C-alpha atoms as a PDB file:
ATOM      1  CA  MET A   1     -18.205  -0.207  28.645  1.00  0.00           C
ATOM      2  CA  SER A   2     -18.467  -2.673  25.774  1.00  0.00           C
ATOM      3  CA  ASP A   3     -19.427  -1.697  22.271  1.00  0.00           C
ATOM      4  CA  SER A   4     -22.350  -3.296  20.559  1.00  0.00           C
ATOM      5  CA  LEU A   5     -21.722  -5.720  17.738  1.00  0.00           C
ATOM      6  CA  ARG A   6     -23.178  -3.220  15.265  1.00  0.00           C
ATOM      7  CA  GLU A   7     -20.830  -0.432  16.413  1.00  0.00           C
ATOM      8  CA  ARG A   8     -17.816  -2.719  16.017  1.00  0.00           C
ATOM      9  CA  ALA A   9     -19.001  -3.801  12.572  1.00  0.00           C
ATOM     10  CA  GLU A  10     -19.517  -0.170  11.531  1.00  0.00           C
ATOM     11  CA  ARG A  11     -15.973   0.720  12.598  1.00  0.00           C
ATOM     12  CA  ARG A  12     -14.544  -2.215  10.634  1.00  0.00           C
ATOM     13  CA  VAL A  13     -16.531  -1.275   7.524  1.00  0.00           C
ATOM     14  CA  ASP A  14     -15.450   2.361   7.861  1.00  0.00           C
ATOM     15  CA  ARG A  15     -11.793   1.274   8.038  1.00  0.00           C
ATOM     16  CA  LYS A  16     -12.201  -0.890   4.941  1.00  0.00           C
ATOM     17  CA  ILE A  17     -13.874   1.926   3.019  1.00  0.00           C
ATOM     18  CA  LYS A  18     -11.085   4.302   4.050  1.00  0.00           C
ATOM     19  CA  PHE A  19      -8.486   1.795   2.842  1.00  0.00           C
ATOM     20  CA  TYR A  20     -10.130   1.360  -0.572  1.00  0.00           C
ATOM     21  CA  ARG A  21     -10.558   5.116  -1.061  1.00  0.00           C
ATOM     22  CA  ASN A  22      -6.930   5.739  -0.137  1.00  0.00           C
ATOM     23  CA  LEU A  23      -5.776   2.901  -2.421  1.00  0.00           C
ATOM     24  CA  LYS A  24      -7.797   4.276  -5.348  1.00  0.00           C
ATOM     25  CA  ALA A  25      -6.376   7.786  -4.874  1.00  0.00           C
ATOM     26  CA  TYR A  26      -2.877   6.318  -4.462  1.00  0.00           C
ATOM     27  CA  VAL A  27      -3.043   4.458  -7.768  1.00  0.00           C
ATOM     28  CA  ILE A  28      -4.587   7.319  -9.761  1.00  0.00           C
ATOM     29  CA  VAL A  29      -2.429  10.141  -8.406  1.00  0.00           C
ATOM     30  CA  ASN A  30       0.809   8.186  -8.606  1.00  0.00           C
ATOM     31  CA  ALA A  31       0.030   7.071 -12.167  1.00  0.00           C
ATOM     32  CA  VAL A  32      -0.454  10.725 -13.168  1.00  0.00           C
ATOM     33  CA  LEU A  33       2.727  11.718 -11.330  1.00  0.00           C
ATOM     34  CA  ALA A  34       4.643   8.931 -13.067  1.00  0.00           C
ATOM     35  CA  ILE A  35       3.471  10.175 -16.465  1.00  0.00           C
ATOM     36  CA  ILE A  36       4.452  13.749 -15.585  1.00  0.00           C
ATOM     37  CA  ASN A  37       7.798  12.522 -14.303  1.00  0.00           C
ATOM     38  CA  TRP A  38       8.419  10.486 -17.466  1.00  0.00           C
ATOM     39  CA  LEU A  39       7.522  13.413 -19.736  1.00  0.00           C
ATOM     40  CA  CYS A  40       9.334  16.197 -17.875  1.00  0.00           C
ATOM     41  CA  THR A  41      12.311  14.702 -16.043  1.00  0.00           C
ATOM     42  CA  PRO A  42      12.922  11.112 -17.170  1.00  0.00           C
ATOM     43  CA  GLU A  43      16.508  11.213 -15.910  1.00  0.00           C
ATOM     44  CA  PHE A  44      15.402  11.456 -12.252  1.00  0.00           C
ATOM     45  CA  TRP A  45      12.495   9.376 -10.979  1.00  0.00           C
ATOM     46  CA  TRP A  46      11.323  11.656  -8.159  1.00  0.00           C
ATOM     47  CA  VAL A  47       7.930   9.958  -8.326  1.00  0.00           C
ATOM     48  CA  MET A  48       9.345   7.136  -6.206  1.00  0.00           C
ATOM     49  CA  PHE A  49       9.293   9.390  -3.117  1.00  0.00           C
ATOM     50  CA  PRO A  50       5.497   9.885  -3.014  1.00  0.00           C
ATOM     51  CA  VAL A  51       4.993   6.268  -4.100  1.00  0.00           C
ATOM     52  CA  PHE A  52       7.088   5.040  -1.172  1.00  0.00           C
ATOM     53  CA  PHE A  53       5.893   7.372   1.583  1.00  0.00           C
ATOM     54  CA  TRP A  54       2.220   7.374   0.598  1.00  0.00           C
ATOM     55  CA  GLY A  55       2.536   3.604   0.232  1.00  0.00           C
ATOM     56  CA  ILE A  56       3.412   3.387   3.914  1.00  0.00           C
ATOM     57  CA  GLY A  57       0.124   5.144   4.705  1.00  0.00           C
ATOM     58  CA  VAL A  58      -1.813   2.774   2.447  1.00  0.00           C
ATOM     59  CA  LEU A  59      -0.137  -0.184   4.162  1.00  0.00           C
ATOM     60  CA  VAL A  60      -1.113   1.165   7.587  1.00  0.00           C
ATOM     61  CA  ASP A  61      -4.730   1.566   6.433  1.00  0.00           C
ATOM     62  CA  PHE A  62      -4.672  -2.030   5.148  1.00  0.00           C
ATOM     63  CA  LEU A  63      -3.319  -3.316   8.450  1.00  0.00           C
ATOM     64  CA  LYS A  64      -5.971  -1.416  10.391  1.00  0.00           C
ATOM     65  CA  ALA A  65      -8.754  -2.708   8.142  1.00  0.00           C
ATOM     66  CA  TYR A  66      -7.777  -6.353   7.801  1.00  0.00           C
ATOM     67  CA  ILE A  67      -4.993  -7.440  10.152  1.00  0.00           C
ATOM     68  CA  LEU A  68      -4.880  -5.573  13.454  1.00  0.00           C
ATOM     69  CA  VAL A  69      -7.147  -6.430  16.354  1.00  0.00           C
ATOM     70  CA  ASP A  70     -10.034  -4.080  17.095  1.00  0.00           C
ATOM     71  CA  ASN A  71      -9.578  -1.957  20.174  1.00  0.00           C
ATOM     72  CA  TRP A  72      -6.480  -3.757  21.405  1.00  0.00           C
ATOM     73  CA  ASP A  73      -5.991  -1.039  23.992  1.00  0.00           C
ATOM     74  CA  SER A  74      -9.561  -0.970  25.298  1.00  0.00           C
ATOM     75  CA  GLU A  75     -10.779  -2.338  28.600  1.00  0.00           C
ATOM     76  CA  ASP A  76     -13.190  -4.635  26.735  1.00  0.00           C
ATOM     77  CA  PHE A  77     -10.281  -6.245  24.875  1.00  0.00           C
ATOM     78  CA  ARG A  78      -8.422  -6.717  28.141  1.00  0.00           C
ATOM     79  CA  GLU A  79     -11.431  -8.405  29.736  1.00  0.00           C
ATOM     80  CA  ARG A  80     -11.885 -10.755  26.753  1.00  0.00           C
ATOM     81  CA  LYS A  81      -8.228 -11.760  26.913  1.00  0.00           C
ATOM     82  CA  ILE A  82      -8.440 -12.381  30.659  1.00  0.00           C
ATOM     83  CA  GLU A  83     -11.461 -14.626  30.053  1.00  0.00           C
ATOM     84  CA  GLU A  84      -9.545 -16.501  27.327  1.00  0.00           C
ATOM     85  CA  GLU A  85      -6.582 -17.046  29.649  1.00  0.00           C
ATOM     86  CA  MET A  86      -8.867 -18.224  32.446  1.00  0.00           C
ATOM     87  CA  MET A  87     -10.435 -20.755  30.064  1.00  0.00           C
ATOM     88  CA  LYS A  88      -6.986 -22.025  29.111  1.00  0.00           C
ATOM     89  CA  LEU A  89      -5.991 -22.393  32.739  1.00  0.00           C
ATOM     90  CA  ARG A  90      -9.152 -24.371  33.537  1.00  0.00           C
ATOM     91  CA  ASN A  91      -8.349 -26.976  30.877  1.00  0.00           C
END
């Protein structure tokens, strides 16, 4: 069952919105944590732990929104790739 063009576009837009919301929260929260860290315990920068691990999540959201192929595990994707390979073999 193939998705309509609109459904695919909606999913892509939703992923992009999720990425930007997560990025905004990441910047704001980590800036506040860095200030708290600097004021309370400047000798140990514990803020690097949430920056690093939450950063991995932000990176994953970015990859899903802008880099990774839509529905790479779907039957529709498989059929498109088979058609592409058949076109290559014909030439």
